Amino acid sequence: MSSSPSLASRLKGRSELGVALLLGAVGVVVLVDAIGLVTPYSKTDPVGPKTIPFVVAGLLLVCAVLLAINVIRGGQGEAEGGEDVDLTHPADWKTVLPLAGVFIANILL
C-alpha cells in the first residue's frame, strides 16, 4: 500500500480546474476555427480578419493555464469577501420587474 494521497483526495475542493479545462477547450476550438478561416481578398494585410480570433484563442489558453496553476498551488477566492449582499433586505421589485420586462421584450422582438 502506498502512503501517498489518491488523486481524488488531492483534487478535492479544486472544482476550479473544471473551469480551467473549459477555458482551455474553448481556446482550442477558437484556435482550430481561426486556422480554418479563409481570407481570399487580402493575403498581404497583416491585421486581417484572422488576427482577432488568434488573439482571443491565445488569451483563453493563457487564462486557462494561469487559472490551473493558481488552483494547483492552492489559490482560492474568498467566499464572503467577493459578495456584498445584505440578505436581511428584501428584493427591490421596483427595479427588478422593469428590467425583467425589458429583457423579455428584447427576446420577443
N, C-alpha and C. Protein backbone atom coordinates (compact mmCIF):
# COMPACT_ATOMS: atom_id res chain seq x y z
N MET A 1 0.84 -1.18 0.00
CA MET A 1 0.00 0.00 0.00
C MET A 1 0.88 1.24 0.00
N SER A 2 0.48 2.19 -0.75
CA SER A 2 1.21 3.45 -0.83
C SER A 2 0.62 4.46 0.15
N SER A 3 1.49 5.25 0.75
CA SER A 3 1.00 6.25 1.71
C SER A 3 0.70 7.58 1.04
N SER A 4 0.94 7.69 -0.27
CA SER A 4 0.65 8.95 -0.96
C SER A 4 -0.85 9.10 -1.14
N PRO A 5 -1.35 10.34 -1.08
CA PRO A 5 -2.79 10.54 -1.23
C PRO A 5 -3.26 10.21 -2.64
N SER A 6 -4.50 9.76 -2.73
CA SER A 6 -5.05 9.41 -4.03
C SER A 6 -5.36 10.67 -4.83
N LEU A 7 -5.60 10.48 -6.11
CA LEU A 7 -5.90 11.61 -6.98
C LEU A 7 -7.17 12.31 -6.55
N ALA A 8 -8.17 11.55 -6.13
CA ALA A 8 -9.44 12.15 -5.70
C ALA A 8 -9.26 13.02 -4.48
N SER A 9 -8.43 12.59 -3.54
CA SER A 9 -8.23 13.41 -2.34
C SER A 9 -7.39 14.65 -2.63
N ARG A 10 -6.48 14.55 -3.61
CA ARG A 10 -5.68 15.73 -3.96
C ARG A 10 -6.51 16.77 -4.70
N LEU A 11 -7.51 16.33 -5.46
CA LEU A 11 -8.32 17.26 -6.24
C LEU A 11 -9.56 17.74 -5.50
N LYS A 12 -9.78 17.25 -4.29
CA LYS A 12 -10.97 17.65 -3.53
C LYS A 12 -10.93 19.16 -3.26
N GLY A 13 -12.03 19.83 -3.55
CA GLY A 13 -12.11 21.27 -3.33
C GLY A 13 -11.47 22.09 -4.42
N ARG A 14 -11.12 21.48 -5.52
CA ARG A 14 -10.48 22.21 -6.62
C ARG A 14 -11.34 22.14 -7.88
N SER A 15 -12.60 22.47 -7.72
CA SER A 15 -13.51 22.41 -8.86
C SER A 15 -13.19 23.48 -9.90
N GLU A 16 -12.37 24.46 -9.53
CA GLU A 16 -11.99 25.49 -10.49
C GLU A 16 -11.16 24.91 -11.63
N LEU A 17 -10.59 23.73 -11.42
CA LEU A 17 -9.87 23.08 -12.52
C LEU A 17 -10.81 22.76 -13.67
N GLY A 18 -12.07 22.52 -13.37
CA GLY A 18 -13.06 22.31 -14.43
C GLY A 18 -13.25 23.56 -15.26
N VAL A 19 -13.24 24.71 -14.61
CA VAL A 19 -13.35 25.98 -15.33
C VAL A 19 -12.12 26.18 -16.21
N ALA A 20 -10.95 25.86 -15.67
CA ALA A 20 -9.72 25.98 -16.46
C ALA A 20 -9.76 25.04 -17.66
N LEU A 21 -10.27 23.84 -17.46
CA LEU A 21 -10.40 22.89 -18.56
C LEU A 21 -11.37 23.41 -19.61
N LEU A 22 -12.48 23.99 -19.17
CA LEU A 22 -13.45 24.55 -20.11
C LEU A 22 -12.84 25.72 -20.89
N LEU A 23 -12.11 26.60 -20.21
CA LEU A 23 -11.44 27.71 -20.90
C LEU A 23 -10.46 27.19 -21.93
N GLY A 24 -9.70 26.17 -21.55
CA GLY A 24 -8.74 25.59 -22.49
C GLY A 24 -9.42 24.96 -23.69
N ALA A 25 -10.53 24.27 -23.46
CA ALA A 25 -11.25 23.64 -24.56
C ALA A 25 -11.82 24.69 -25.51
N VAL A 26 -12.39 25.76 -24.96
CA VAL A 26 -12.92 26.83 -25.81
C VAL A 26 -11.78 27.49 -26.57
N GLY A 27 -10.63 27.68 -25.92
CA GLY A 27 -9.47 28.26 -26.60
C GLY A 27 -9.01 27.41 -27.76
N VAL A 28 -9.00 26.09 -27.58
CA VAL A 28 -8.59 25.19 -28.66
C VAL A 28 -9.60 25.24 -29.80
N VAL A 29 -10.89 25.27 -29.48
CA VAL A 29 -11.92 25.34 -30.52
C VAL A 29 -11.79 26.63 -31.32
N VAL A 30 -11.57 27.75 -30.63
CA VAL A 30 -11.41 29.03 -31.32
C VAL A 30 -10.15 29.01 -32.18
N LEU A 31 -9.07 28.41 -31.67
CA LEU A 31 -7.82 28.34 -32.43
C LEU A 31 -7.99 27.49 -33.69
N VAL A 32 -8.64 26.34 -33.56
CA VAL A 32 -8.87 25.48 -34.73
C VAL A 32 -9.75 26.19 -35.75
N ASP A 33 -10.77 26.90 -35.26
CA ASP A 33 -11.65 27.64 -36.16
C ASP A 33 -10.89 28.78 -36.84
N ALA A 34 -10.01 29.44 -36.12
CA ALA A 34 -9.24 30.55 -36.70
C ALA A 34 -8.27 30.04 -37.76
N ILE A 35 -7.71 28.87 -37.54
CA ILE A 35 -6.79 28.30 -38.54
C ILE A 35 -7.54 27.99 -39.83
N GLY A 36 -8.80 27.60 -39.71
CA GLY A 36 -9.59 27.25 -40.88
C GLY A 36 -10.21 28.42 -41.63
N LEU A 37 -10.05 29.64 -41.11
CA LEU A 37 -10.62 30.81 -41.79
C LEU A 37 -9.95 31.03 -43.14
N VAL A 38 -10.76 31.35 -44.13
CA VAL A 38 -10.25 31.62 -45.46
C VAL A 38 -10.46 33.10 -45.75
N THR A 39 -9.38 33.79 -46.13
CA THR A 39 -9.47 35.22 -46.48
C THR A 39 -8.97 35.40 -47.90
N PRO A 40 -9.84 35.23 -48.89
CA PRO A 40 -9.39 35.27 -50.28
C PRO A 40 -9.06 36.67 -50.80
N TYR A 41 -9.55 37.70 -50.17
CA TYR A 41 -9.42 39.03 -50.75
C TYR A 41 -8.20 39.79 -50.27
N SER A 42 -7.59 39.41 -49.18
CA SER A 42 -6.47 40.19 -48.65
C SER A 42 -5.43 39.26 -48.05
N LYS A 43 -4.49 38.86 -48.85
CA LYS A 43 -3.45 37.95 -48.37
C LYS A 43 -2.27 38.71 -47.77
N THR A 44 -2.13 40.01 -48.07
CA THR A 44 -0.96 40.75 -47.60
C THR A 44 -1.26 41.63 -46.39
N ASP A 45 -2.50 41.76 -46.00
CA ASP A 45 -2.86 42.61 -44.87
C ASP A 45 -2.41 41.94 -43.57
N PRO A 46 -1.51 42.59 -42.79
CA PRO A 46 -1.02 41.94 -41.57
C PRO A 46 -2.09 41.84 -40.48
N VAL A 47 -3.05 42.76 -40.48
CA VAL A 47 -4.12 42.71 -39.49
C VAL A 47 -5.42 42.47 -40.24
N GLY A 48 -5.62 41.22 -40.59
CA GLY A 48 -6.83 40.86 -41.32
C GLY A 48 -7.86 40.25 -40.39
N PRO A 49 -8.85 39.60 -40.95
CA PRO A 49 -9.92 39.02 -40.14
C PRO A 49 -9.46 37.82 -39.31
N LYS A 50 -8.26 37.29 -39.55
CA LYS A 50 -7.78 36.16 -38.77
C LYS A 50 -7.10 36.60 -37.47
N THR A 51 -6.77 37.86 -37.35
CA THR A 51 -5.97 38.32 -36.21
C THR A 51 -6.73 38.19 -34.89
N ILE A 52 -7.93 38.72 -34.84
CA ILE A 52 -8.69 38.73 -33.59
C ILE A 52 -8.99 37.33 -33.07
N PRO A 53 -9.42 36.38 -33.91
CA PRO A 53 -9.63 35.02 -33.37
C PRO A 53 -8.36 34.40 -32.78
N PHE A 54 -7.20 34.67 -33.40
CA PHE A 54 -5.96 34.15 -32.84
C PHE A 54 -5.64 34.80 -31.50
N VAL A 55 -5.89 36.11 -31.38
CA VAL A 55 -5.66 36.81 -30.11
C VAL A 55 -6.59 36.26 -29.03
N VAL A 56 -7.87 36.10 -29.37
CA VAL A 56 -8.84 35.58 -28.40
C VAL A 56 -8.47 34.16 -27.98
N ALA A 57 -8.10 33.32 -28.94
CA ALA A 57 -7.71 31.94 -28.61
C ALA A 57 -6.48 31.93 -27.71
N GLY A 58 -5.51 32.76 -28.02
CA GLY A 58 -4.31 32.83 -27.19
C GLY A 58 -4.61 33.29 -25.78
N LEU A 59 -5.46 34.30 -25.64
CA LEU A 59 -5.82 34.79 -24.31
C LEU A 59 -6.59 33.74 -23.52
N LEU A 60 -7.49 33.02 -24.18
CA LEU A 60 -8.22 31.95 -23.50
C LEU A 60 -7.28 30.86 -23.00
N LEU A 61 -6.33 30.48 -23.83
CA LEU A 61 -5.40 29.43 -23.42
C LEU A 61 -4.48 29.90 -22.30
N VAL A 62 -4.02 31.15 -22.37
CA VAL A 62 -3.17 31.68 -21.31
C VAL A 62 -3.94 31.75 -19.99
N CYS A 63 -5.19 32.22 -20.05
CA CYS A 63 -6.02 32.29 -18.83
C CYS A 63 -6.26 30.90 -18.26
N ALA A 64 -6.48 29.92 -19.12
CA ALA A 64 -6.71 28.55 -18.65
C ALA A 64 -5.48 28.02 -17.92
N VAL A 65 -4.31 28.25 -18.49
CA VAL A 65 -3.08 27.77 -17.86
C VAL A 65 -2.83 28.49 -16.54
N LEU A 66 -3.00 29.81 -16.53
CA LEU A 66 -2.76 30.57 -15.30
C LEU A 66 -3.75 30.18 -14.20
N LEU A 67 -5.01 29.96 -14.57
CA LEU A 67 -6.00 29.54 -13.58
C LEU A 67 -5.67 28.16 -13.02
N ALA A 68 -5.28 27.24 -13.90
CA ALA A 68 -4.92 25.90 -13.44
C ALA A 68 -3.72 25.95 -12.49
N ILE A 69 -2.72 26.75 -12.83
CA ILE A 69 -1.55 26.88 -11.95
C ILE A 69 -1.95 27.45 -10.60
N ASN A 70 -2.80 28.48 -10.62
CA ASN A 70 -3.24 29.10 -9.37
C ASN A 70 -4.01 28.11 -8.50
N VAL A 71 -4.88 27.32 -9.10
CA VAL A 71 -5.67 26.35 -8.34
C VAL A 71 -4.78 25.24 -7.78
N ILE A 72 -3.85 24.76 -8.58
CA ILE A 72 -2.96 23.68 -8.13
C ILE A 72 -2.07 24.16 -6.99
N ARG A 73 -1.66 25.42 -7.03
CA ARG A 73 -0.83 25.97 -5.96
C ARG A 73 -1.63 26.26 -4.69
N GLY A 74 -2.93 26.15 -4.76
CA GLY A 74 -3.74 26.34 -3.57
C GLY A 74 -4.46 27.67 -3.50
N GLY A 75 -4.43 28.44 -4.56
CA GLY A 75 -5.14 29.71 -4.58
C GLY A 75 -6.64 29.50 -4.53
N GLN A 76 -7.30 30.29 -3.73
CA GLN A 76 -8.74 30.15 -3.57
C GLN A 76 -9.33 31.51 -3.25
N GLY A 77 -10.42 31.86 -3.90
CA GLY A 77 -11.08 33.14 -3.64
C GLY A 77 -11.82 33.12 -2.32
N GLU A 78 -12.01 34.30 -1.76
CA GLU A 78 -12.75 34.42 -0.51
C GLU A 78 -14.24 34.31 -0.81
N ALA A 79 -14.92 33.43 -0.11
CA ALA A 79 -16.35 33.25 -0.34
C ALA A 79 -17.14 34.46 0.12
N GLU A 80 -16.80 35.02 1.25
CA GLU A 80 -17.55 36.15 1.80
C GLU A 80 -17.05 37.48 1.28
N GLY A 81 -15.76 37.59 1.00
CA GLY A 81 -15.19 38.86 0.60
C GLY A 81 -15.59 39.30 -0.80
N GLY A 82 -15.99 38.36 -1.63
CA GLY A 82 -16.32 38.70 -3.00
C GLY A 82 -17.76 39.11 -3.21
N GLU A 83 -18.59 39.02 -2.20
CA GLU A 83 -20.00 39.31 -2.37
C GLU A 83 -20.46 40.29 -1.31
N ASP A 84 -21.09 41.35 -1.77
CA ASP A 84 -21.55 42.39 -0.85
C ASP A 84 -23.08 42.46 -0.91
N VAL A 85 -23.74 41.43 -0.40
CA VAL A 85 -25.19 41.35 -0.43
C VAL A 85 -25.70 41.26 1.00
N ASP A 86 -26.65 42.12 1.31
CA ASP A 86 -27.27 42.09 2.64
C ASP A 86 -28.57 41.30 2.52
N LEU A 87 -28.57 40.09 3.03
CA LEU A 87 -29.72 39.20 2.88
C LEU A 87 -30.89 39.58 3.78
N THR A 88 -30.71 40.54 4.67
CA THR A 88 -31.82 40.95 5.54
C THR A 88 -32.78 41.88 4.81
N HIS A 89 -32.35 42.51 3.73
CA HIS A 89 -33.22 43.41 2.97
C HIS A 89 -33.93 42.64 1.86
N PRO A 90 -35.21 42.95 1.62
CA PRO A 90 -35.93 42.26 0.54
C PRO A 90 -35.46 42.76 -0.83
N ALA A 91 -35.87 42.04 -1.86
CA ALA A 91 -35.51 42.43 -3.22
C ALA A 91 -36.21 43.74 -3.59
N ASP A 92 -35.57 44.53 -4.42
CA ASP A 92 -36.13 45.80 -4.89
C ASP A 92 -36.94 45.52 -6.15
N TRP A 93 -38.23 45.18 -5.96
CA TRP A 93 -39.07 44.76 -7.08
C TRP A 93 -39.35 45.90 -8.03
N LYS A 94 -39.28 47.16 -7.59
CA LYS A 94 -39.48 48.30 -8.49
C LYS A 94 -38.38 48.37 -9.54
N THR A 95 -37.24 47.81 -9.26
CA THR A 95 -36.14 47.77 -10.22
C THR A 95 -36.11 46.45 -10.98
N VAL A 96 -36.37 45.36 -10.28
CA VAL A 96 -36.25 44.04 -10.89
C VAL A 96 -37.31 43.81 -11.96
N LEU A 97 -38.56 44.17 -11.70
CA LEU A 97 -39.63 43.90 -12.66
C LEU A 97 -39.47 44.67 -13.98
N PRO A 98 -39.17 45.99 -13.97
CA PRO A 98 -38.95 46.65 -15.26
C PRO A 98 -37.75 46.07 -16.03
N LEU A 99 -36.69 45.70 -15.32
CA LEU A 99 -35.54 45.10 -16.00
C LEU A 99 -35.92 43.77 -16.63
N ALA A 100 -36.67 42.95 -15.90
CA ALA A 100 -37.11 41.67 -16.45
C ALA A 100 -38.02 41.90 -17.65
N GLY A 101 -38.89 42.92 -17.57
CA GLY A 101 -39.76 43.24 -18.70
C GLY A 101 -38.98 43.66 -19.93
N VAL A 102 -37.93 44.45 -19.74
CA VAL A 102 -37.10 44.88 -20.87
C VAL A 102 -36.39 43.68 -21.49
N PHE A 103 -35.87 42.78 -20.68
CA PHE A 103 -35.21 41.59 -21.21
C PHE A 103 -36.18 40.71 -21.99
N ILE A 104 -37.38 40.52 -21.46
CA ILE A 104 -38.38 39.70 -22.15
C ILE A 104 -38.80 40.36 -23.45
N ALA A 105 -39.00 41.68 -23.43
CA ALA A 105 -39.36 42.40 -24.66
C ALA A 105 -38.25 42.29 -25.69
N ASN A 106 -37.01 42.35 -25.26
CA ASN A 106 -35.89 42.23 -26.18
C ASN A 106 -35.84 40.84 -26.80
N ILE A 107 -36.15 39.82 -26.02
CA ILE A 107 -36.16 38.46 -26.55
C ILE A 107 -37.29 38.29 -27.56
N LEU A 108 -38.46 38.86 -27.26
CA LEU A 108 -39.61 38.68 -28.14
C LEU A 108 -39.51 39.49 -29.42
N LEU A 109 -38.81 40.60 -29.37
CA LEU A 109 -38.72 41.45 -30.57
C LEU A 109 -37.63 41.00 -31.43
